[in-house]
């Protein structure tokens, strides 16, 4: 009898966590978890809100949690998940368990998960994170109003992929004409909340990473937040938390009657300069002309697209810069492709995936 697997691509970021499943479920929530409690007054002003992305209340191994937007709104102790060491962060299990449970259609399912790690953390944390996922188990209750949805979350097989590199599992499916060229070299620039990864690969008969040209560092959209925060404090004496800063950022700097777009533009210029300076240092004069395409992904990819596309320092790119559709989800989509490859290995060879 052929086993049926639910495949999950999981991208846990400092800002938002993204999940895409083989059944088409697509989930994105702020990477925030807080202590939950039984709410009694949800229907005072009308119908009680059910199980939705912005109303995610879960009980994980007997502990109540509010996840994502609900944690920001209702929890007295909201805190970010996925610190530098994602495995030991106390919110990691609650977030992985809750979102996986939300993607499941039955109480128990055979699940293959591939999760991403920032490029700069992949080498040191890959083994530990994969072991963590292989040993993962949680009893979860999701609350849909008064209804309790029970899920037993565990993973039959697990894999770990570095961010930006994970995107390369998916991009050839979307850009076949570009990436089927003979011996093309491409770069993926992944700009997250607190990490920025640049991975360069050569695509010929197979895919080979060019390590000397690949790099990552601990900064990202948070740099734009820093510029925005200083401007808001100088004007109003108020200090906004990250979700509120992100809301102002998404509105182009508009906040009530204030306009902080100039601060955002300064932050974008500084972040673009950091990327270009590192590219100039890591990519030699001859090496850089090998690169035929740059793909810009992640939440920061959307913010920096115009800045980098119009940069004179990147004009050496033959086909210049591409912003794929839904750039925030590219890593999760790449992880899902990798999960499907693991399934093929398991079904064809009928052996444990190593």
C-alpha atoms as a PDB file:
ATOM      1  CA  UNK A   1       0.000   0.000   0.000  1.00  0.00           C
ATOM      2  CA  UNK A   2       1.422   3.376  -1.053  1.00  0.00           C
ATOM      3  CA  UNK A   3       1.785   5.830   1.821  1.00  0.00           C
ATOM      4  CA  UNK A   4       0.133   9.215   1.477  1.00  0.00           C
ATOM      5  CA  UNK A   5       2.097  12.156   2.848  1.00  0.00           C
ATOM      6  CA  UNK A   6       1.154  15.712   3.685  1.00  0.00           C
ATOM      7  CA  UNK A   7       4.136  17.793   2.549  1.00  0.00           C
ATOM      8  CA  UNK A   8       4.932  21.087   4.259  1.00  0.00           C
ATOM      9  CA  UNK A   9       7.356  23.869   3.355  1.00  0.00           C
ATOM     10  CA  UNK A  10       8.022  25.917   6.495  1.00  0.00           C
ATOM     11  CA  UNK A  11       9.840  29.257   6.618  1.00  0.00           C
ATOM     12  CA  UNK A  12      10.144  30.556  10.170  1.00  0.00           C
ATOM     13  CA  UNK A  13      11.283  34.166  10.060  1.00  0.00           C
ATOM     14  CA  UNK A  14      11.978  36.794  12.697  1.00  0.00           C
ATOM     15  CA  UNK A  15       9.143  38.889  11.301  1.00  0.00           C
ATOM     16  CA  UNK A  16       6.583  36.493   9.828  1.00  0.00           C
ATOM     17  CA  UNK A  17       6.322  32.720   9.563  1.00  0.00           C
ATOM     18  CA  UNK A  18       5.174  31.215   6.268  1.00  0.00           C
ATOM     19  CA  UNK A  19       3.844  27.721   5.578  1.00  0.00           C
ATOM     20  CA  UNK A  20       2.743  26.137   2.298  1.00  0.00           C
ATOM     21  CA  UNK A  21       1.334  22.626   2.118  1.00  0.00           C
ATOM     22  CA  UNK A  22       0.880  20.100  -0.684  1.00  0.00           C
ATOM     23  CA  UNK A  23      -2.890  20.493  -0.311  1.00  0.00           C
ATOM     24  CA  UNK A  24      -2.606  24.161  -1.248  1.00  0.00           C
ATOM     25  CA  UNK A  25      -2.856  25.616   2.259  1.00  0.00           C
ATOM     26  CA  UNK A  26      -0.962  28.899   2.489  1.00  0.00           C
ATOM     27  CA  UNK A  27      -0.419  30.422   5.924  1.00  0.00           C
ATOM     28  CA  UNK A  28       1.412  33.559   7.029  1.00  0.00           C
ATOM     29  CA  UNK A  29       1.378  34.908  10.591  1.00  0.00           C
ATOM     30  CA  UNK A  30       3.548  37.298  12.612  1.00  0.00           C
ATOM     31  CA  UNK A  31       6.192  35.231  14.443  1.00  0.00           C
ATOM     32  CA  UNK A  32       4.731  36.133  17.816  1.00  0.00           C
ATOM     33  CA  UNK A  33       3.441  33.827  20.550  1.00  0.00           C
ATOM     34  CA  UNK A  34       1.760  34.748  23.820  1.00  0.00           C
ATOM     35  CA  UNK A  35       0.048  33.088  26.739  1.00  0.00           C
ATOM     36  CA  UNK A  36      -3.577  32.331  25.878  1.00  0.00           C
ATOM     37  CA  UNK A  37      -6.747  32.115  27.910  1.00  0.00           C
ATOM     38  CA  UNK A  38     -10.374  31.120  27.484  1.00  0.00           C
ATOM     39  CA  UNK A  39     -12.234  34.132  26.116  1.00  0.00           C
ATOM     40  CA  UNK A  40     -15.839  34.578  27.260  1.00  0.00           C
ATOM     41  CA  UNK A  41     -17.043  37.738  25.556  1.00  0.00           C
ATOM     42  CA  UNK A  42     -16.225  37.199  21.874  1.00  0.00           C
ATOM     43  CA  UNK A  43     -19.880  37.331  20.817  1.00  0.00           C
ATOM     44  CA  UNK A  44     -20.958  40.466  22.711  1.00  0.00           C
ATOM     45  CA  UNK A  45     -21.034  42.543  19.507  1.00  0.00           C
ATOM     46  CA  UNK A  46     -22.227  39.823  17.191  1.00  0.00           C
ATOM     47  CA  UNK A  47     -21.179  36.414  15.997  1.00  0.00           C
ATOM     48  CA  UNK A  48     -18.164  34.882  17.743  1.00  0.00           C
ATOM     49  CA  UNK A  49     -15.128  34.780  15.461  1.00  0.00           C
ATOM     50  CA  UNK A  50     -14.058  31.254  14.500  1.00  0.00           C
ATOM     51  CA  UNK A  51     -10.748  29.661  13.571  1.00  0.00           C
ATOM     52  CA  UNK A  52      -8.993  32.142  11.294  1.00  0.00           C
ATOM     53  CA  UNK A  53      -5.406  33.218  10.684  1.00  0.00           C
ATOM     54  CA  UNK A  54      -5.855  36.380  12.758  1.00  0.00           C
ATOM     55  CA  UNK A  55      -7.762  34.540  15.510  1.00  0.00           C
ATOM     56  CA  UNK A  56      -5.480  31.578  16.230  1.00  0.00           C
ATOM     57  CA  UNK A  57      -5.865  30.152  19.744  1.00  0.00           C
ATOM     58  CA  UNK A  58      -4.163  26.803  20.343  1.00  0.00           C
ATOM     59  CA  UNK A  59      -3.554  24.503  23.260  1.00  0.00           C
ATOM     60  CA  UNK A  60      -0.182  22.751  22.825  1.00  0.00           C
ATOM     61  CA  UNK A  61       0.578  19.909  25.238  1.00  0.00           C
ATOM     62  CA  UNK A  62      -1.834  21.365  27.772  1.00  0.00           C
ATOM     63  CA  UNK A  63      -0.667  25.008  27.529  1.00  0.00           C
ATOM     64  CA  UNK A  64      -2.814  27.727  25.951  1.00  0.00           C
ATOM     65  CA  UNK A  65      -1.253  30.068  23.399  1.00  0.00           C
ATOM     66  CA  UNK A  66      -2.360  32.931  21.209  1.00  0.00           C
ATOM     67  CA  UNK A  67      -0.480  32.871  17.905  1.00  0.00           C
ATOM     68  CA  UNK A  68       0.394  35.707  15.521  1.00  0.00           C
ATOM     69  CA  UNK A  69      -2.060  38.593  15.263  1.00  0.00           C
ATOM     70  CA  UNK A  70      -4.159  37.343  18.200  1.00  0.00           C
ATOM     71  CA  UNK A  71      -1.070  37.267  20.440  1.00  0.00           C
ATOM     72  CA  UNK A  72      -0.368  40.893  19.556  1.00  0.00           C
ATOM     73  CA  UNK A  73      -3.951  41.897  20.249  1.00  0.00           C
ATOM     74  CA  UNK A  74      -4.908  39.863  23.316  1.00  0.00           C
ATOM     75  CA  UNK A  75      -1.920  38.296  25.058  1.00  0.00           C
ATOM     76  CA  UNK A  76      -0.438  39.962  28.113  1.00  0.00           C
ATOM     77  CA  UNK A  77       2.946  38.408  27.351  1.00  0.00           C
ATOM     78  CA  UNK A  78       3.504  38.469  23.571  1.00  0.00           C
ATOM     79  CA  UNK A  79       7.063  37.717  22.494  1.00  0.00           C
ATOM     80  CA  UNK A  80       8.823  37.001  19.242  1.00  0.00           C
ATOM     81  CA  UNK A  81       9.658  33.464  18.178  1.00  0.00           C
ATOM     82  CA  UNK A  82      12.755  32.305  16.301  1.00  0.00           C
ATOM     83  CA  UNK A  83      15.628  33.976  18.083  1.00  0.00           C
ATOM     84  CA  UNK A  84      19.146  33.275  16.775  1.00  0.00           C
ATOM     85  CA  UNK A  85      18.971  29.742  18.138  1.00  0.00           C
ATOM     86  CA  UNK A  86      15.552  28.725  16.844  1.00  0.00           C
ATOM     87  CA  UNK A  87      15.605  25.275  18.405  1.00  0.00           C
ATOM     88  CA  UNK A  88      15.857  26.384  22.014  1.00  0.00           C
ATOM     89  CA  UNK A  89      13.472  29.321  21.804  1.00  0.00           C
ATOM     90  CA  UNK A  90      10.452  28.610  24.046  1.00  0.00           C
ATOM     91  CA  UNK A  91       7.953  29.764  21.420  1.00  0.00           C
ATOM     92  CA  UNK A  92       9.309  27.579  18.619  1.00  0.00           C
ATOM     93  CA  UNK A  93       7.299  24.465  19.483  1.00  0.00           C
ATOM     94  CA  UNK A  94       4.035  26.374  19.937  1.00  0.00           C
ATOM     95  CA  UNK A  95       4.371  28.077  16.556  1.00  0.00           C
ATOM     96  CA  UNK A  96       5.432  25.001  14.561  1.00  0.00           C
ATOM     97  CA  UNK A  97       2.793  22.808  16.224  1.00  0.00           C
ATOM     98  CA  UNK A  98      -0.043  25.318  15.790  1.00  0.00           C
ATOM     99  CA  UNK A  99       0.583  26.137  12.130  1.00  0.00           C
ATOM    100  CA  UNK A 100       1.130  22.483  11.210  1.00  0.00           C
ATOM    101  CA  UNK A 101      -2.116  21.570  12.988  1.00  0.00           C
ATOM    102  CA  UNK A 102      -3.874  24.308  11.022  1.00  0.00           C
ATOM    103  CA  UNK A 103      -2.623  22.775   7.761  1.00  0.00           C
ATOM    104  CA  UNK A 104      -3.734  19.246   8.697  1.00  0.00           C
ATOM    105  CA  UNK A 105      -7.094  17.840   7.600  1.00  0.00           C
ATOM    106  CA  UNK A 106      -7.168  14.822   9.933  1.00  0.00           C
ATOM    107  CA  UNK A 107      -6.206  14.254  13.548  1.00  0.00           C
ATOM    108  CA  UNK A 108      -3.170  12.187  12.501  1.00  0.00           C
ATOM    109  CA  UNK A 109      -1.291  12.440   9.210  1.00  0.00           C
ATOM    110  CA  UNK A 110       2.018  11.268   7.769  1.00  0.00           C
ATOM    111  CA  UNK A 111       3.879  14.542   7.340  1.00  0.00           C
ATOM    112  CA  UNK A 112       7.095  15.437   5.571  1.00  0.00           C
ATOM    113  CA  UNK A 113       8.368  18.863   6.613  1.00  0.00           C
ATOM    114  CA  UNK A 114      11.257  20.861   5.226  1.00  0.00           C
ATOM    115  CA  UNK A 115      12.063  24.015   7.179  1.00  0.00           C
ATOM    116  CA  UNK A 116      14.456  26.836   6.427  1.00  0.00           C
ATOM    117  CA  UNK A 117      17.303  28.368   8.402  1.00  0.00           C
ATOM    118  CA  UNK A 118      19.098  31.649   7.652  1.00  0.00           C
ATOM    119  CA  UNK A 119      22.188  31.066   5.518  1.00  0.00           C
ATOM    120  CA  UNK A 120      24.471  32.404   8.269  1.00  0.00           C
ATOM    121  CA  UNK A 121      23.002  29.954  10.832  1.00  0.00           C
ATOM    122  CA  UNK A 122      22.579  26.906   8.597  1.00  0.00           C
ATOM    123  CA  UNK A 123      26.051  25.419   9.034  1.00  0.00           C
ATOM    124  CA  UNK A 124      25.966  25.468  12.840  1.00  0.00           C
ATOM    125  CA  UNK A 125      22.294  24.649  13.416  1.00  0.00           C
ATOM    126  CA  UNK A 126      21.314  22.312  10.567  1.00  0.00           C
ATOM    127  CA  UNK A 127      22.031  19.030  12.347  1.00  0.00           C
ATOM    128  CA  UNK A 128      20.415  20.074  15.623  1.00  0.00           C
ATOM    129  CA  UNK A 129      17.349  21.573  13.938  1.00  0.00           C
ATOM    130  CA  UNK A 130      16.772  18.488  11.782  1.00  0.00           C
ATOM    131  CA  UNK A 131      17.052  16.243  14.864  1.00  0.00           C
ATOM    132  CA  UNK A 132      14.592  18.540  16.650  1.00  0.00           C
ATOM    133  CA  UNK A 133      12.064  18.167  13.829  1.00  0.00           C
ATOM    134  CA  UNK A 134      12.565  14.403  13.576  1.00  0.00           C
ATOM    135  CA  UNK A 135      11.794  14.066  17.291  1.00  0.00           C
ATOM    136  CA  UNK A 136       8.983  16.638  17.254  1.00  0.00           C
ATOM    137  CA  UNK A 137       5.648  15.624  18.776  1.00  0.00           C
ATOM    138  CA  UNK A 138       2.794  17.719  20.131  1.00  0.00           C
ATOM    139  CA  UNK A 139      -0.844  17.260  21.083  1.00  0.00           C
ATOM    140  CA  UNK A 140      -2.697  20.297  19.762  1.00  0.00           C
ATOM    141  CA  UNK A 141      -6.209  21.652  20.179  1.00  0.00           C
ATOM    142  CA  UNK A 142      -7.312  24.461  17.871  1.00  0.00           C
ATOM    143  CA  UNK A 143     -10.327  26.476  19.004  1.00  0.00           C
ATOM    144  CA  UNK A 144     -12.972  27.237  16.399  1.00  0.00           C
ATOM    145  CA  UNK A 145     -15.372  29.184  18.603  1.00  0.00           C
ATOM    146  CA  UNK A 146     -16.637  26.594  21.075  1.00  0.00           C
ATOM    147  CA  UNK A 147     -15.528  23.724  18.850  1.00  0.00           C
ATOM    148  CA  UNK A 148     -12.263  21.931  19.638  1.00  0.00           C
ATOM    149  CA  UNK A 149     -10.223  20.576  16.731  1.00  0.00           C
ATOM    150  CA  UNK A 150      -7.689  17.995  17.904  1.00  0.00           C
ATOM    151  CA  UNK A 151      -4.466  17.265  16.066  1.00  0.00           C
ATOM    152  CA  UNK A 152      -1.513  14.997  16.838  1.00  0.00           C
ATOM    153  CA  UNK A 153       1.508  16.663  15.238  1.00  0.00           C
ATOM    154  CA  UNK A 154       4.637  14.679  14.413  1.00  0.00           C
ATOM    155  CA  UNK A 155       6.862  14.388  11.353  1.00  0.00           C
ATOM    156  CA  UNK A 156       7.662  11.127   9.576  1.00  0.00           C
ATOM    157  CA  UNK A 157      10.530  12.764   7.698  1.00  0.00           C
ATOM    158  CA  UNK A 158      12.190  16.151   8.070  1.00  0.00           C
ATOM    159  CA  UNK A 159      14.702  18.220   6.150  1.00  0.00           C
ATOM    160  CA  UNK A 160      16.378  21.591   6.608  1.00  0.00           C
ATOM    161  CA  UNK A 161      17.329  24.033   3.832  1.00  0.00           C
ATOM    162  CA  UNK A 162      19.235  27.349   3.964  1.00  0.00           C
ATOM    163  CA  UNK A 163      17.208  30.423   3.142  1.00  0.00           C
ATOM    164  CA  UNK A 164      17.866  31.909  -0.306  1.00  0.00           C
ATOM    165  CA  UNK A 165      19.243  28.511  -1.383  1.00  0.00           C
ATOM    166  CA  UNK A 166      15.820  27.023  -0.664  1.00  0.00           C
ATOM    167  CA  UNK A 167      14.393  29.405  -3.255  1.00  0.00           C
ATOM    168  CA  UNK A 168      16.537  27.771  -5.921  1.00  0.00           C
ATOM    169  CA  UNK A 169      14.570  24.534  -5.551  1.00  0.00           C
ATOM    170  CA  UNK A 170      11.484  26.454  -6.693  1.00  0.00           C
ATOM    171  CA  UNK A 171      12.627  29.198  -9.079  1.00  0.00           C
ATOM    172  CA  UNK A 172      13.511  26.889 -12.025  1.00  0.00           C
ATOM    173  CA  UNK A 173       9.862  25.762 -12.076  1.00  0.00           C
ATOM    174  CA  UNK A 174       8.716  29.351 -12.624  1.00  0.00           C
ATOM    175  CA  UNK A 175      11.526  30.740 -14.770  1.00  0.00           C
ATOM    176  CA  UNK A 176      12.174  27.786 -17.083  1.00  0.00           C
ATOM    177  CA  UNK A 177      13.146  29.884 -20.092  1.00  0.00           C
ATOM    178  CA  UNK A 178      15.737  31.849 -18.148  1.00  0.00           C
ATOM    179  CA  UNK A 179      17.152  29.061 -16.017  1.00  0.00           C
ATOM    180  CA  UNK A 180      17.284  26.414 -18.736  1.00  0.00           C
ATOM    181  CA  UNK A 181      19.990  28.344 -20.496  1.00  0.00           C
ATOM    182  CA  UNK A 182      23.289  26.496 -20.684  1.00  0.00           C
ATOM    183  CA  UNK A 183      25.665  27.212 -17.787  1.00  0.00           C
ATOM    184  CA  UNK A 184      23.865  30.180 -16.243  1.00  0.00           C
ATOM    185  CA  UNK A 185      24.940  31.684 -12.922  1.00  0.00           C
ATOM    186  CA  UNK A 186      22.280  33.323 -10.772  1.00  0.00           C
ATOM    187  CA  UNK A 187      22.148  35.046  -7.386  1.00  0.00           C
ATOM    188  CA  UNK A 188      19.283  35.057  -4.899  1.00  0.00           C
ATOM    189  CA  UNK A 189      19.132  37.965  -2.451  1.00  0.00           C
ATOM    190  CA  UNK A 190      16.794  37.155   0.426  1.00  0.00           C
ATOM    191  CA  UNK A 191      15.989  40.121   2.684  1.00  0.00           C
ATOM    192  CA  UNK A 192      14.173  39.111   5.854  1.00  0.00           C
ATOM    193  CA  UNK A 193      13.426  40.903   9.109  1.00  0.00           C
ATOM    194  CA  UNK A 194      16.820  40.441  10.782  1.00  0.00           C
ATOM    195  CA  UNK A 195      18.786  38.393   8.256  1.00  0.00           C
ATOM    196  CA  UNK A 196      19.983  39.055   4.739  1.00  0.00           C
ATOM    197  CA  UNK A 197      21.262  36.141   2.655  1.00  0.00           C
ATOM    198  CA  UNK A 198      22.917  36.152  -0.761  1.00  0.00           C
ATOM    199  CA  UNK A 199      23.433  32.786  -2.454  1.00  0.00           C
ATOM    200  CA  UNK A 200      25.109  32.411  -5.858  1.00  0.00           C
ATOM    201  CA  UNK A 201      24.759  29.182  -7.838  1.00  0.00           C
ATOM    202  CA  UNK A 202      25.856  27.885 -11.205  1.00  0.00           C
ATOM    203  CA  UNK A 203      23.206  25.922 -13.089  1.00  0.00           C
ATOM    204  CA  UNK A 204      24.521  23.481 -15.695  1.00  0.00           C
ATOM    205  CA  UNK A 205      24.004  19.717 -15.626  1.00  0.00           C
ATOM    206  CA  UNK A 206      23.383  20.166 -11.928  1.00  0.00           C
ATOM    207  CA  UNK A 207      23.302  23.060  -9.440  1.00  0.00           C
ATOM    208  CA  UNK A 208      26.505  24.069  -7.652  1.00  0.00           C
ATOM    209  CA  UNK A 209      26.791  26.801  -5.045  1.00  0.00           C
ATOM    210  CA  UNK A 210      29.658  29.263  -5.466  1.00  0.00           C
ATOM    211  CA  UNK A 211      30.625  29.658  -1.834  1.00  0.00           C
ATOM    212  CA  UNK A 212      33.168  32.436  -2.357  1.00  0.00           C
ATOM    213  CA  UNK A 213      30.388  34.671  -3.709  1.00  0.00           C
ATOM    214  CA  UNK A 214      27.699  33.670  -1.184  1.00  0.00           C
ATOM    215  CA  UNK A 215      27.266  35.419   2.152  1.00  0.00           C
ATOM    216  CA  UNK A 216      24.820  36.539   4.813  1.00  0.00           C
ATOM    217  CA  UNK A 217      24.616  38.930   7.726  1.00  0.00           C
ATOM    218  CA  UNK A 218      22.297  39.815  10.584  1.00  0.00           C
ATOM    219  CA  UNK A 219      20.336  42.777   9.313  1.00  0.00           C
ATOM    220  CA  UNK A 220      17.334  43.336   7.075  1.00  0.00           C
ATOM    221  CA  UNK A 221      13.997  45.119   7.333  1.00  0.00           C
ATOM    222  CA  UNK A 222      14.914  45.844  10.955  1.00  0.00           C
ATOM    223  CA  UNK A 223      17.280  48.519   9.622  1.00  0.00           C
ATOM    224  CA  UNK A 224      14.309  50.316   8.035  1.00  0.00           C
ATOM    225  CA  UNK A 225      12.518  49.994  11.376  1.00  0.00           C
ATOM    226  CA  UNK A 226      15.481  51.654  13.105  1.00  0.00           C
ATOM    227  CA  UNK A 227      15.302  54.685  10.814  1.00  0.00           C
ATOM    228  CA  UNK A 228      11.530  54.843  11.185  1.00  0.00           C
ATOM    229  CA  UNK A 229      11.681  54.494  14.971  1.00  0.00           C
ATOM    230  CA  UNK A 230      14.147  57.362  15.339  1.00  0.00           C
ATOM    231  CA  UNK A 231      12.010  59.649  13.172  1.00  0.00           C
ATOM    232  CA  UNK A 232       8.840  58.805  15.110  1.00  0.00           C
ATOM    233  CA  UNK A 233      10.566  59.340  18.462  1.00  0.00           C
ATOM    234  CA  UNK A 234      12.044  62.664  17.345  1.00  0.00           C
ATOM    235  CA  UNK A 235       8.588  63.855  16.253  1.00  0.00           C
ATOM    236  CA  UNK A 236       6.258  62.363  18.883  1.00  0.00           C
ATOM    237  CA  UNK A 237       8.427  61.035  21.768  1.00  0.00           C
ATOM    238  CA  UNK A 238       6.674  57.680  21.255  1.00  0.00           C
ATOM    239  CA  UNK A 239       8.387  54.310  20.884  1.00  0.00           C
ATOM    240  CA  UNK A 240       6.467  51.852  18.709  1.00  0.00           C
ATOM    241  CA  UNK A 241       6.892  48.087  18.828  1.00  0.00           C
ATOM    242  CA  UNK A 242       7.961  46.107  15.733  1.00  0.00           C
ATOM    243  CA  UNK A 243       4.444  45.137  14.526  1.00  0.00           C
ATOM    244  CA  UNK A 244       3.328  48.785  14.689  1.00  0.00           C
ATOM    245  CA  UNK A 245       6.490  49.932  12.925  1.00  0.00           C
ATOM    246  CA  UNK A 246       5.839  47.302  10.275  1.00  0.00           C
ATOM    247  CA  UNK A 247       2.312  48.643   9.803  1.00  0.00           C
ATOM    248  CA  UNK A 248       3.702  52.155   9.255  1.00  0.00           C
ATOM    249  CA  UNK A 249       6.294  50.742   6.853  1.00  0.00           C
ATOM    250  CA  UNK A 250       3.616  48.972   4.805  1.00  0.00           C
ATOM    251  CA  UNK A 251       1.736  52.271   4.515  1.00  0.00           C
ATOM    252  CA  UNK A 252       4.808  53.968   3.077  1.00  0.00           C
ATOM    253  CA  UNK A 253       5.494  55.945   6.250  1.00  0.00           C
ATOM    254  CA  UNK A 254       2.020  57.336   6.776  1.00  0.00           C
ATOM    255  CA  UNK A 255       0.899  57.300  10.409  1.00  0.00           C
ATOM    256  CA  UNK A 256      -2.153  59.376  11.268  1.00  0.00           C
ATOM    257  CA  UNK A 257      -1.391  62.907  10.103  1.00  0.00           C
ATOM    258  CA  UNK A 258       2.368  62.219   9.966  1.00  0.00           C
ATOM    259  CA  UNK A 259       4.480  61.248   6.982  1.00  0.00           C
ATOM    260  CA  UNK A 260       7.726  59.393   7.730  1.00  0.00           C
ATOM    261  CA  UNK A 261       8.441  58.313   4.149  1.00  0.00           C
ATOM    262  CA  UNK A 262      11.721  60.255   4.119  1.00  0.00           C
ATOM    263  CA  UNK A 263      13.049  58.144   7.019  1.00  0.00           C
ATOM    264  CA  UNK A 264      12.108  54.954   5.166  1.00  0.00           C
ATOM    265  CA  UNK A 265      13.894  56.129   2.016  1.00  0.00           C
ATOM    266  CA  UNK A 266      17.041  56.826   4.050  1.00  0.00           C
ATOM    267  CA  UNK A 267      16.857  53.338   5.543  1.00  0.00           C
ATOM    268  CA  UNK A 268      16.409  51.757   2.113  1.00  0.00           C
ATOM    269  CA  UNK A 269      19.426  53.601   0.747  1.00  0.00           C
ATOM    270  CA  UNK A 270      21.552  52.467   3.701  1.00  0.00           C
ATOM    271  CA  UNK A 271      20.456  48.838   3.371  1.00  0.00           C
ATOM    272  CA  UNK A 272      21.022  48.852  -0.387  1.00  0.00           C
ATOM    273  CA  UNK A 273      24.498  50.312   0.174  1.00  0.00           C
ATOM    274  CA  UNK A 274      25.317  47.508   2.647  1.00  0.00           C
ATOM    275  CA  UNK A 275      24.290  44.881   0.079  1.00  0.00           C
ATOM    276  CA  UNK A 276      26.225  46.500  -2.760  1.00  0.00           C
ATOM    277  CA  UNK A 277      29.343  47.028  -0.613  1.00  0.00           C
ATOM    278  CA  UNK A 278      29.328  43.340   0.371  1.00  0.00           C
ATOM    279  CA  UNK A 279      28.773  42.285  -3.256  1.00  0.00           C
ATOM    280  CA  UNK A 280      31.720  44.427  -4.340  1.00  0.00           C
ATOM    281  CA  UNK A 281      33.886  42.811  -1.663  1.00  0.00           C
ATOM    282  CA  UNK A 282      32.787  39.187  -2.248  1.00  0.00           C
ATOM    283  CA  UNK A 283      32.382  39.237  -6.045  1.00  0.00           C
ATOM    284  CA  UNK A 284      35.627  39.866  -7.920  1.00  0.00           C
ATOM    285  CA  UNK A 285      35.753  41.962 -11.060  1.00  0.00           C
ATOM    286  CA  UNK A 286      35.758  38.902 -13.295  1.00  0.00           C
ATOM    287  CA  UNK A 287      33.406  36.807 -11.142  1.00  0.00           C
ATOM    288  CA  UNK A 288      30.624  39.346 -11.078  1.00  0.00           C
ATOM    289  CA  UNK A 289      30.229  39.242 -14.857  1.00  0.00           C
ATOM    290  CA  UNK A 290      29.321  35.557 -14.588  1.00  0.00           C
ATOM    291  CA  UNK A 291      26.036  36.458 -12.889  1.00  0.00           C
ATOM    292  CA  UNK A 292      23.230  36.540 -15.428  1.00  0.00           C
ATOM    293  CA  UNK A 293      20.325  37.209 -13.093  1.00  0.00           C
ATOM    294  CA  UNK A 294      19.523  38.347  -9.563  1.00  0.00           C
ATOM    295  CA  UNK A 295      16.305  37.215  -7.906  1.00  0.00           C
ATOM    296  CA  UNK A 296      15.163  39.421  -5.053  1.00  0.00           C
ATOM    297  CA  UNK A 297      12.985  37.652  -2.453  1.00  0.00           C
ATOM    298  CA  UNK A 298      11.691  38.007   1.110  1.00  0.00           C
ATOM    299  CA  UNK A 299       9.626  40.792   2.620  1.00  0.00           C
ATOM    300  CA  UNK A 300      12.528  43.188   2.198  1.00  0.00           C
ATOM    301  CA  UNK A 301      12.813  42.229  -1.445  1.00  0.00           C
ATOM    302  CA  UNK A 302       9.643  44.179  -2.154  1.00  0.00           C
ATOM    303  CA  UNK A 303      10.962  47.269  -0.349  1.00  0.00           C
ATOM    304  CA  UNK A 304      14.421  47.228  -1.953  1.00  0.00           C
ATOM    305  CA  UNK A 305      13.398  46.255  -5.495  1.00  0.00           C
ATOM    306  CA  UNK A 306      13.348  49.735  -7.020  1.00  0.00           C
ATOM    307  CA  UNK A 307      16.443  50.768  -5.069  1.00  0.00           C
ATOM    308  CA  UNK A 308      18.526  47.842  -6.346  1.00  0.00           C
ATOM    309  CA  UNK A 309      17.012  47.688  -9.838  1.00  0.00           C
ATOM    310  CA  UNK A 310      18.038  51.290 -10.472  1.00  0.00           C
ATOM    311  CA  UNK A 311      21.479  50.985  -8.867  1.00  0.00           C
ATOM    312  CA  UNK A 312      24.341  51.862 -11.187  1.00  0.00           C
ATOM    313  CA  UNK A 313      26.541  49.461  -9.216  1.00  0.00           C
ATOM    314  CA  UNK A 314      24.456  46.483 -10.368  1.00  0.00           C
ATOM    315  CA  UNK A 315      24.248  47.363 -14.069  1.00  0.00           C
ATOM    316  CA  UNK A 316      26.750  44.613 -14.841  1.00  0.00           C
ATOM    317  CA  UNK A 317      23.953  42.047 -14.397  1.00  0.00           C
ATOM    318  CA  UNK A 318      23.068  40.955 -17.953  1.00  0.00           C
ATOM    319  CA  UNK A 319      19.338  40.451 -17.351  1.00  0.00           C
ATOM    320  CA  UNK A 320      19.336  42.531 -14.185  1.00  0.00           C
ATOM    321  CA  UNK A 321      16.961  41.973 -11.264  1.00  0.00           C
ATOM    322  CA  UNK A 322      13.733  39.968 -11.025  1.00  0.00           C
ATOM    323  CA  UNK A 323      11.115  40.228  -8.243  1.00  0.00           C
ATOM    324  CA  UNK A 324       9.108  36.970  -8.306  1.00  0.00           C
ATOM    325  CA  UNK A 325       5.415  36.943  -7.470  1.00  0.00           C
ATOM    326  CA  UNK A 326       4.787  36.684  -3.716  1.00  0.00           C
ATOM    327  CA  UNK A 327       8.491  37.038  -2.840  1.00  0.00           C
ATOM    328  CA  UNK A 328       7.840  36.453   0.881  1.00  0.00           C
ATOM    329  CA  UNK A 329       6.733  32.870   0.134  1.00  0.00           C
ATOM    330  CA  UNK A 330       9.564  31.797  -2.172  1.00  0.00           C
ATOM    331  CA  UNK A 331      11.617  30.066   0.538  1.00  0.00           C
ATOM    332  CA  UNK A 332       8.550  28.169   1.787  1.00  0.00           C
ATOM    333  CA  UNK A 333       7.729  27.120  -1.776  1.00  0.00           C
ATOM    334  CA  UNK A 334      11.299  25.900  -2.243  1.00  0.00           C
ATOM    335  CA  UNK A 335      11.072  23.916   0.983  1.00  0.00           C
ATOM    336  CA  UNK A 336       7.853  22.325  -0.295  1.00  0.00           C
ATOM    337  CA  UNK A 337       9.630  21.263  -3.502  1.00  0.00           C
ATOM    338  CA  UNK A 338      12.344  19.675  -1.362  1.00  0.00           C
ATOM    339  CA  UNK A 339       9.684  17.884   0.710  1.00  0.00           C
ATOM    340  CA  UNK A 340       8.235  16.466  -2.502  1.00  0.00           C
ATOM    341  CA  UNK A 341      11.696  15.214  -3.488  1.00  0.00           C
ATOM    342  CA  UNK A 342      12.000  13.463  -0.120  1.00  0.00           C
ATOM    343  CA  UNK A 343       8.631  11.808  -0.747  1.00  0.00           C
ATOM    344  CA  UNK A 344       9.850  10.503  -4.111  1.00  0.00           C
ATOM    345  CA  UNK A 345      12.947   9.014  -2.486  1.00  0.00           C
ATOM    346  CA  UNK A 346      10.882   7.341   0.229  1.00  0.00           C
ATOM    347  CA  UNK A 347       8.295   5.912  -2.175  1.00  0.00           C
ATOM    348  CA  UNK A 348      10.789   4.785  -4.823  1.00  0.00           C
ATOM    349  CA  UNK A 349      13.351   3.246  -2.538  1.00  0.00           C
ATOM    350  CA  UNK A 350      11.068   2.344   0.367  1.00  0.00           C
ATOM    351  CA  UNK A 351      13.832   3.295   2.782  1.00  0.00           C
ATOM    352  CA  UNK A 352      14.180   5.851   5.541  1.00  0.00           C
ATOM    353  CA  UNK A 353      15.300   9.247   4.225  1.00  0.00           C
ATOM    354  CA  UNK A 354      18.747  10.162   5.572  1.00  0.00           C
END
